[in-house]
Amino acid sequence: MASRQRIFEIQDYSGTRVVLGAKEWNNKIISDAPIGHPEVADYVDTIRLTIGEPDIVFESTTRSDTRLLYKLNAGRDEYQGKHLVIVVKYVQETDALRGYVSTAYLARGLYAGGKILWQRKNLLAN
């Protein structure tokens, strides 16, 4: 997958390289509804920040290779108070584990069903 065009590649909170591909960005994430989330088009820098320094990370309840990374209260303007969610699928490649951004969106609440894999120190009481 090294030849794919990228919006960016960054190290995540755990040290794994994560890629946001141009195809996923243009054809899925910022495309029009029903599948897209064009409201995050101006959030590229916040998406990058969230991958590197999330507030909380959940394991997906449907896929153990997928994590949901949150930046709390990242929404701006009419999305004020919403959380930015980055969905990353992790794949074991021949040279290393690598993550690929599946989607990004703004949400009102936290992913209540998933197991918390990581959280910023003192974020949530146990």
C-alpha atoms as a PDB file:
ATOM      1  CA  MET A   1       0.000   0.000   0.000  1.00  0.00           C
ATOM      2  CA  ALA A   2       3.055   2.267  -0.015  1.00  0.00           C
ATOM      3  CA  SER A   3       2.251   3.655  -3.476  1.00  0.00           C
ATOM      4  CA  ARG A   4      -1.123   5.106  -2.475  1.00  0.00           C
ATOM      5  CA  GLN A   5      -1.560   8.867  -2.344  1.00  0.00           C
ATOM      6  CA  ARG A   6      -1.800  10.162   1.194  1.00  0.00           C
ATOM      7  CA  ILE A   7      -3.229  13.178   2.909  1.00  0.00           C
ATOM      8  CA  PHE A   8      -0.794  12.426   5.731  1.00  0.00           C
ATOM      9  CA  GLU A   9       0.972   9.692   7.672  1.00  0.00           C
ATOM     10  CA  ILE A  10       1.605  10.150  11.388  1.00  0.00           C
ATOM     11  CA  GLN A  11       2.584   8.138  14.428  1.00  0.00           C
ATOM     12  CA  ASP A  12      -0.393   7.387  16.667  1.00  0.00           C
ATOM     13  CA  TYR A  13      -0.549   7.609  20.467  1.00  0.00           C
ATOM     14  CA  SER A  14       0.979   4.112  20.767  1.00  0.00           C
ATOM     15  CA  GLY A  15       3.773   4.566  18.227  1.00  0.00           C
ATOM     16  CA  THR A  16       2.083   2.879  15.247  1.00  0.00           C
ATOM     17  CA  ARG A  17       2.174   4.623  11.862  1.00  0.00           C
ATOM     18  CA  VAL A  18      -1.319   5.660  10.686  1.00  0.00           C
ATOM     19  CA  VAL A  19      -2.184   6.714   7.140  1.00  0.00           C
ATOM     20  CA  LEU A  20      -5.030   8.912   5.943  1.00  0.00           C
ATOM     21  CA  GLY A  21      -5.295   8.050   2.249  1.00  0.00           C
ATOM     22  CA  ALA A  22      -6.471  10.544  -0.352  1.00  0.00           C
ATOM     23  CA  LYS A  23      -8.997   8.034  -1.721  1.00  0.00           C
ATOM     24  CA  GLU A  24     -10.640   7.506   1.687  1.00  0.00           C
ATOM     25  CA  TRP A  25     -10.592  11.239   2.381  1.00  0.00           C
ATOM     26  CA  ASN A  26     -12.140  12.304  -0.930  1.00  0.00           C
ATOM     27  CA  ASN A  27     -14.423   9.382  -1.772  1.00  0.00           C
ATOM     28  CA  LYS A  28     -15.636   8.433   1.683  1.00  0.00           C
ATOM     29  CA  ILE A  29     -14.960  10.852   4.517  1.00  0.00           C
ATOM     30  CA  ILE A  30     -15.750  14.224   2.921  1.00  0.00           C
ATOM     31  CA  SER A  31     -18.146  12.934   0.267  1.00  0.00           C
ATOM     32  CA  ASP A  32     -21.803  13.860   0.439  1.00  0.00           C
ATOM     33  CA  ALA A  33     -24.299  11.915   2.523  1.00  0.00           C
ATOM     34  CA  PRO A  34     -25.380   9.185   3.047  1.00  0.00           C
ATOM     35  CA  ILE A  35     -21.898   7.751   3.647  1.00  0.00           C
ATOM     36  CA  GLY A  36     -19.812  10.900   3.945  1.00  0.00           C
ATOM     37  CA  HIS A  37     -19.122  13.462   6.616  1.00  0.00           C
ATOM     38  CA  PRO A  38     -18.388  16.669   4.689  1.00  0.00           C
ATOM     39  CA  GLU A  39     -18.640  18.633   7.946  1.00  0.00           C
ATOM     40  CA  VAL A  40     -15.097  17.446   8.836  1.00  0.00           C
ATOM     41  CA  ALA A  41     -13.508  18.837   5.648  1.00  0.00           C
ATOM     42  CA  ASP A  42     -11.827  21.644   7.635  1.00  0.00           C
ATOM     43  CA  TYR A  43     -10.634  19.304  10.403  1.00  0.00           C
ATOM     44  CA  VAL A  44      -7.524  17.759   8.784  1.00  0.00           C
ATOM     45  CA  ASP A  45      -5.185  19.284  11.387  1.00  0.00           C
ATOM     46  CA  THR A  46      -7.483  18.214  14.228  1.00  0.00           C
ATOM     47  CA  ILE A  47      -7.720  14.692  12.780  1.00  0.00           C
ATOM     48  CA  ARG A  48      -3.917  14.509  12.715  1.00  0.00           C
ATOM     49  CA  LEU A  49      -3.743  15.817  16.301  1.00  0.00           C
ATOM     50  CA  THR A  50      -6.381  13.323  17.443  1.00  0.00           C
ATOM     51  CA  ILE A  51      -4.459  10.369  16.034  1.00  0.00           C
ATOM     52  CA  GLY A  52      -1.261  11.447  17.778  1.00  0.00           C
ATOM     53  CA  GLU A  53      -2.814  12.745  20.985  1.00  0.00           C
ATOM     54  CA  PRO A  54      -6.349  11.400  21.496  1.00  0.00           C
ATOM     55  CA  ASP A  55      -8.351  12.035  24.632  1.00  0.00           C
ATOM     56  CA  ILE A  56      -9.731   8.498  24.705  1.00  0.00           C
ATOM     57  CA  VAL A  57      -9.501   5.354  22.544  1.00  0.00           C
ATOM     58  CA  PHE A  58     -12.109   2.600  22.330  1.00  0.00           C
ATOM     59  CA  GLU A  59     -11.900  -0.837  20.740  1.00  0.00           C
ATOM     60  CA  SER A  60     -14.672  -1.411  18.216  1.00  0.00           C
ATOM     61  CA  THR A  61     -17.370  -3.809  19.378  1.00  0.00           C
ATOM     62  CA  THR A  62     -17.597  -5.294  15.887  1.00  0.00           C
ATOM     63  CA  ARG A  63     -13.898  -5.514  14.891  1.00  0.00           C
ATOM     64  CA  SER A  64     -10.999  -6.148  17.265  1.00  0.00           C
ATOM     65  CA  ASP A  65      -8.584  -4.660  14.698  1.00  0.00           C
ATOM     66  CA  THR A  66     -10.389  -1.304  14.730  1.00  0.00           C
ATOM     67  CA  ARG A  67     -10.146   1.554  17.215  1.00  0.00           C
ATOM     68  CA  LEU A  68     -12.134   4.734  17.689  1.00  0.00           C
ATOM     69  CA  LEU A  69      -9.944   7.701  18.658  1.00  0.00           C
ATOM     70  CA  TYR A  70     -11.691  10.709  20.220  1.00  0.00           C
ATOM     71  CA  LYS A  71     -10.839  14.367  20.629  1.00  0.00           C
ATOM     72  CA  LEU A  72     -13.455  15.650  23.063  1.00  0.00           C
ATOM     73  CA  ASN A  73     -15.319  18.884  22.374  1.00  0.00           C
ATOM     74  CA  ALA A  74     -13.437  19.447  19.111  1.00  0.00           C
ATOM     75  CA  GLY A  75     -16.480  20.672  17.208  1.00  0.00           C
ATOM     76  CA  ARG A  76     -16.536  24.258  16.007  1.00  0.00           C
ATOM     77  CA  ASP A  77     -19.305  26.710  15.064  1.00  0.00           C
ATOM     78  CA  GLU A  78     -22.617  24.838  14.674  1.00  0.00           C
ATOM     79  CA  TYR A  79     -20.871  21.637  15.828  1.00  0.00           C
ATOM     80  CA  GLN A  80     -19.727  23.181  19.125  1.00  0.00           C
ATOM     81  CA  GLY A  81     -19.602  20.590  21.910  1.00  0.00           C
ATOM     82  CA  LYS A  82     -19.385  17.579  19.587  1.00  0.00           C
ATOM     83  CA  HIS A  83     -16.502  15.129  19.711  1.00  0.00           C
ATOM     84  CA  LEU A  84     -14.276  14.317  16.747  1.00  0.00           C
ATOM     85  CA  VAL A  85     -14.083  10.551  16.165  1.00  0.00           C
ATOM     86  CA  ILE A  86     -11.425   8.925  13.991  1.00  0.00           C
ATOM     87  CA  VAL A  87     -11.964   5.276  13.073  1.00  0.00           C
ATOM     88  CA  VAL A  88      -8.665   3.489  12.413  1.00  0.00           C
ATOM     89  CA  LYS A  89      -8.267  -0.084  11.185  1.00  0.00           C
ATOM     90  CA  TYR A  90      -4.924  -1.681  12.114  1.00  0.00           C
ATOM     91  CA  VAL A  91      -3.301  -4.157   9.717  1.00  0.00           C
ATOM     92  CA  GLN A  92      -0.244  -6.327  10.324  1.00  0.00           C
ATOM     93  CA  GLU A  93       1.890  -5.807   7.228  1.00  0.00           C
ATOM     94  CA  THR A  94       5.142  -7.603   6.434  1.00  0.00           C
ATOM     95  CA  ASP A  95       7.333  -4.911   8.008  1.00  0.00           C
ATOM     96  CA  ALA A  96       5.142  -3.559  10.821  1.00  0.00           C
ATOM     97  CA  LEU A  97       1.674  -2.916  12.181  1.00  0.00           C
ATOM     98  CA  ARG A  98       0.072   0.015  10.341  1.00  0.00           C
ATOM     99  CA  GLY A  99      -3.199   1.859  10.802  1.00  0.00           C
ATOM    100  CA  TYR A 100      -5.497   3.202   8.107  1.00  0.00           C
ATOM    101  CA  VAL A 101      -8.152   5.830   8.729  1.00  0.00           C
ATOM    102  CA  SER A 102     -11.523   4.396   7.712  1.00  0.00           C
ATOM    103  CA  THR A 103     -13.614   7.448   8.496  1.00  0.00           C
ATOM    104  CA  ALA A 104     -13.899  10.550  10.667  1.00  0.00           C
ATOM    105  CA  TYR A 105     -17.024  12.227  11.990  1.00  0.00           C
ATOM    106  CA  LEU A 106     -18.447  14.423  14.734  1.00  0.00           C
ATOM    107  CA  ALA A 107     -20.516  12.794  17.475  1.00  0.00           C
ATOM    108  CA  ARG A 108     -22.558  13.976  20.440  1.00  0.00           C
ATOM    109  CA  GLY A 109     -21.579  11.186  22.811  1.00  0.00           C
ATOM    110  CA  LEU A 110     -18.923   8.621  23.579  1.00  0.00           C
ATOM    111  CA  TYR A 111     -18.895   5.074  22.197  1.00  0.00           C
ATOM    112  CA  ALA A 112     -20.509   3.471  25.204  1.00  0.00           C
ATOM    113  CA  GLY A 113     -20.221  -0.149  24.066  1.00  0.00           C
ATOM    114  CA  GLY A 114     -16.521  -0.411  23.373  1.00  0.00           C
ATOM    115  CA  LYS A 115     -13.723  -1.329  25.738  1.00  0.00           C
ATOM    116  CA  ILE A 116     -11.485   1.612  26.665  1.00  0.00           C
ATOM    117  CA  LEU A 117      -7.985   0.828  25.377  1.00  0.00           C
ATOM    118  CA  TRP A 118      -6.318   4.095  26.339  1.00  0.00           C
ATOM    119  CA  GLN A 119      -7.237   7.455  27.829  1.00  0.00           C
ATOM    120  CA  ARG A 120      -5.498  10.699  28.597  1.00  0.00           C
ATOM    121  CA  LYS A 121      -4.364  10.677  32.228  1.00  0.00           C
ATOM    122  CA  ASN A 122      -7.178  11.508  34.658  1.00  0.00           C
ATOM    123  CA  LEU A 123      -9.746  11.879  31.875  1.00  0.00           C
ATOM    124  CA  LEU A 124     -12.420   9.548  33.223  1.00  0.00           C
ATOM    125  CA  ALA A 125     -12.862   8.211  36.731  1.00  0.00           C
ATOM    126  CA  ASN A 126     -12.691   4.429  36.955  1.00  0.00           C
END
